[in-house]
Amino acid sequence: MGKKKVFYLDPDDRKWTMEDLGLSWDDLEATDEKMESIEGVFFANNGKIISRMELPNHCPDCLETLAYNDEFDSIYCEACDEWRDSPCTDPACEYCAIRPEKPSDCN
């Protein structure tokens, strides 16, 4: 079996075209002839390829960049409106005990 490339794309929310990126099919064919193939798995979001090193900083559901809430000391995804950190089990925790259900409910 030959080398293969895997791209994860969201066709329902695609906003970028080749013209938006300044490319054409002719450019890609010429590039393929000149460059050696790169093998691997690539994640892309909003026209940007996300490297493996950056992946932990992105939401596992939508690949948007995660944000941090100082008030509740927790990481969340603004696009999904969900916390990515589970609350702790300590009932006296000053952060988790009063954390709202959704990040958008924060002041």
C-alpha atoms as a PDB file:
ATOM      1  CA  MET A   1       0.000   0.000   0.000  1.00  0.00           C
ATOM      2  CA  GLY A   2       1.326   3.438  -0.906  1.00  0.00           C
ATOM      3  CA  LYS A   3       1.741   6.542   1.183  1.00  0.00           C
ATOM      4  CA  LYS A   4      -1.436   8.384   2.068  1.00  0.00           C
ATOM      5  CA  LYS A   5      -2.472  11.730   3.533  1.00  0.00           C
ATOM      6  CA  VAL A   6      -5.446  12.186   5.831  1.00  0.00           C
ATOM      7  CA  PHE A   7      -7.179  15.571   6.124  1.00  0.00           C
ATOM      8  CA  TYR A   8      -9.992  16.245   8.592  1.00  0.00           C
ATOM      9  CA  LEU A   9     -12.298  18.859   7.082  1.00  0.00           C
ATOM     10  CA  ASP A  10     -15.752  20.088   7.969  1.00  0.00           C
ATOM     11  CA  PRO A  11     -17.654  20.344   4.676  1.00  0.00           C
ATOM     12  CA  ASP A  12     -20.770  21.767   6.375  1.00  0.00           C
ATOM     13  CA  ASP A  13     -18.899  24.845   7.611  1.00  0.00           C
ATOM     14  CA  ARG A  14     -16.221  25.301   4.958  1.00  0.00           C
ATOM     15  CA  LYS A  15     -15.578  28.980   4.262  1.00  0.00           C
ATOM     16  CA  TRP A  16     -12.294  28.814   2.340  1.00  0.00           C
ATOM     17  CA  THR A  17     -11.842  28.165  -1.349  1.00  0.00           C
ATOM     18  CA  MET A  18      -8.629  27.694  -3.295  1.00  0.00           C
ATOM     19  CA  GLU A  19      -9.089  31.174  -4.773  1.00  0.00           C
ATOM     20  CA  ASP A  20      -9.309  32.640  -1.232  1.00  0.00           C
ATOM     21  CA  LEU A  21      -5.901  31.111  -0.531  1.00  0.00           C
ATOM     22  CA  GLY A  22      -4.459  32.437  -3.812  1.00  0.00           C
ATOM     23  CA  LEU A  23      -4.174  28.961  -5.361  1.00  0.00           C
ATOM     24  CA  SER A  24      -5.368  27.201  -8.477  1.00  0.00           C
ATOM     25  CA  TRP A  25      -5.391  23.562  -9.546  1.00  0.00           C
ATOM     26  CA  ASP A  26      -2.532  24.301 -11.973  1.00  0.00           C
ATOM     27  CA  ASP A  27      -0.413  25.633  -9.072  1.00  0.00           C
ATOM     28  CA  LEU A  28      -1.009  22.445  -7.073  1.00  0.00           C
ATOM     29  CA  GLU A  29      -0.075  20.155  -9.962  1.00  0.00           C
ATOM     30  CA  ALA A  30       3.156  22.106 -10.522  1.00  0.00           C
ATOM     31  CA  THR A  31       3.923  21.971  -6.784  1.00  0.00           C
ATOM     32  CA  ASP A  32       3.385  18.189  -6.684  1.00  0.00           C
ATOM     33  CA  GLU A  33       5.930  17.727  -9.452  1.00  0.00           C
ATOM     34  CA  LYS A  34       8.561  19.858  -7.677  1.00  0.00           C
ATOM     35  CA  MET A  35       8.109  18.817  -4.050  1.00  0.00           C
ATOM     36  CA  GLU A  36       8.481  15.554  -2.236  1.00  0.00           C
ATOM     37  CA  SER A  37       5.317  14.240  -0.658  1.00  0.00           C
ATOM     38  CA  ILE A  38       4.689  14.733   3.072  1.00  0.00           C
ATOM     39  CA  GLU A  39       3.082  11.827   4.879  1.00  0.00           C
ATOM     40  CA  GLY A  40       0.993  12.159   8.008  1.00  0.00           C
ATOM     41  CA  VAL A  41      -2.244  13.246   9.621  1.00  0.00           C
ATOM     42  CA  PHE A  42      -3.174  16.923   9.423  1.00  0.00           C
ATOM     43  CA  PHE A  43      -5.843  18.890  11.283  1.00  0.00           C
ATOM     44  CA  ALA A  44      -7.146  22.104   9.730  1.00  0.00           C
ATOM     45  CA  ASN A  45      -9.503  24.754  11.064  1.00  0.00           C
ATOM     46  CA  ASN A  46     -10.510  28.041   9.416  1.00  0.00           C
ATOM     47  CA  GLY A  47      -7.899  27.659   6.695  1.00  0.00           C
ATOM     48  CA  LYS A  48      -5.031  26.993   9.112  1.00  0.00           C
ATOM     49  CA  ILE A  49      -3.245  23.692   9.659  1.00  0.00           C
ATOM     50  CA  ILE A  50      -2.917  22.827  13.348  1.00  0.00           C
ATOM     51  CA  SER A  51       0.372  21.164  14.261  1.00  0.00           C
ATOM     52  CA  ARG A  52       0.574  18.245  16.682  1.00  0.00           C
ATOM     53  CA  MET A  53       2.268  20.502  19.241  1.00  0.00           C
ATOM     54  CA  GLU A  54      -0.669  22.977  19.120  1.00  0.00           C
ATOM     55  CA  LEU A  55      -3.393  20.312  19.264  1.00  0.00           C
ATOM     56  CA  PRO A  56      -3.712  20.216  23.111  1.00  0.00           C
ATOM     57  CA  ASN A  57      -4.602  23.941  22.994  1.00  0.00           C
ATOM     58  CA  HIS A  58      -7.609  23.246  20.764  1.00  0.00           C
ATOM     59  CA  CYS A  59     -11.073  21.883  21.479  1.00  0.00           C
ATOM     60  CA  PRO A  60     -11.296  18.153  20.722  1.00  0.00           C
ATOM     61  CA  ASP A  61     -14.824  18.636  19.320  1.00  0.00           C
ATOM     62  CA  CYS A  62     -14.556  21.704  17.061  1.00  0.00           C
ATOM     63  CA  LEU A  63     -10.763  22.398  16.894  1.00  0.00           C
ATOM     64  CA  GLU A  64     -11.217  26.035  17.959  1.00  0.00           C
ATOM     65  CA  THR A  65      -8.571  27.476  20.285  1.00  0.00           C
ATOM     66  CA  LEU A  66      -9.383  26.913  23.965  1.00  0.00           C
ATOM     67  CA  ALA A  67      -9.692  29.846  26.380  1.00  0.00           C
ATOM     68  CA  TYR A  68      -8.939  30.213  30.091  1.00  0.00           C
ATOM     69  CA  ASN A  69     -11.289  31.640  32.720  1.00  0.00           C
ATOM     70  CA  ASP A  70      -9.377  33.274  35.598  1.00  0.00           C
ATOM     71  CA  GLU A  71     -12.416  33.573  37.837  1.00  0.00           C
ATOM     72  CA  PHE A  72     -13.039  29.801  37.898  1.00  0.00           C
ATOM     73  CA  ASP A  73      -9.492  28.632  37.093  1.00  0.00           C
ATOM     74  CA  SER A  74     -10.744  26.507  34.211  1.00  0.00           C
ATOM     75  CA  ILE A  75     -10.267  25.950  30.488  1.00  0.00           C
ATOM     76  CA  TYR A  76     -13.281  26.198  28.170  1.00  0.00           C
ATOM     77  CA  CYS A  77     -14.294  26.244  24.511  1.00  0.00           C
ATOM     78  CA  GLU A  78     -16.061  29.453  23.598  1.00  0.00           C
ATOM     79  CA  ALA A  79     -17.459  28.019  20.340  1.00  0.00           C
ATOM     80  CA  CYS A  80     -18.988  24.943  22.045  1.00  0.00           C
ATOM     81  CA  ASP A  81     -19.825  26.910  25.222  1.00  0.00           C
ATOM     82  CA  GLU A  82     -18.530  24.049  27.358  1.00  0.00           C
ATOM     83  CA  TRP A  83     -15.945  23.676  30.099  1.00  0.00           C
ATOM     84  CA  ARG A  84     -13.060  21.396  29.145  1.00  0.00           C
ATOM     85  CA  ASP A  85     -11.880  20.945  32.748  1.00  0.00           C
ATOM     86  CA  SER A  86     -14.023  18.742  34.982  1.00  0.00           C
ATOM     87  CA  PRO A  87     -14.888  20.271  38.343  1.00  0.00           C
ATOM     88  CA  CYS A  88     -13.014  18.842  41.291  1.00  0.00           C
ATOM     89  CA  THR A  89     -14.709  16.711  43.931  1.00  0.00           C
ATOM     90  CA  ASP A  90     -13.841  18.996  46.845  1.00  0.00           C
ATOM     91  CA  PRO A  91     -17.119  20.602  48.060  1.00  0.00           C
ATOM     92  CA  ALA A  92     -15.134  23.428  49.679  1.00  0.00           C
ATOM     93  CA  CYS A  93     -13.351  24.383  46.426  1.00  0.00           C
ATOM     94  CA  GLU A  94     -13.813  28.110  45.936  1.00  0.00           C
ATOM     95  CA  TYR A  95     -13.717  27.758  42.149  1.00  0.00           C
ATOM     96  CA  CYS A  96     -15.737  24.645  41.319  1.00  0.00           C
ATOM     97  CA  ALA A  97     -18.512  25.035  43.912  1.00  0.00           C
ATOM     98  CA  ILE A  98     -19.860  28.218  42.300  1.00  0.00           C
ATOM     99  CA  ARG A  99     -18.870  27.616  38.661  1.00  0.00           C
ATOM    100  CA  PRO A 100     -21.852  28.082  36.310  1.00  0.00           C
ATOM    101  CA  GLU A 101     -23.057  25.229  34.082  1.00  0.00           C
ATOM    102  CA  LYS A 102     -21.885  27.024  30.897  1.00  0.00           C
ATOM    103  CA  PRO A 103     -18.966  29.453  30.402  1.00  0.00           C
ATOM    104  CA  SER A 104     -21.322  31.948  28.744  1.00  0.00           C
ATOM    105  CA  ASP A 105     -23.174  32.265  32.087  1.00  0.00           C
ATOM    106  CA  CYS A 106     -20.076  33.854  33.683  1.00  0.00           C
ATOM    107  CA  ASN A 107     -20.158  37.573  34.489  1.00  0.00           C
END
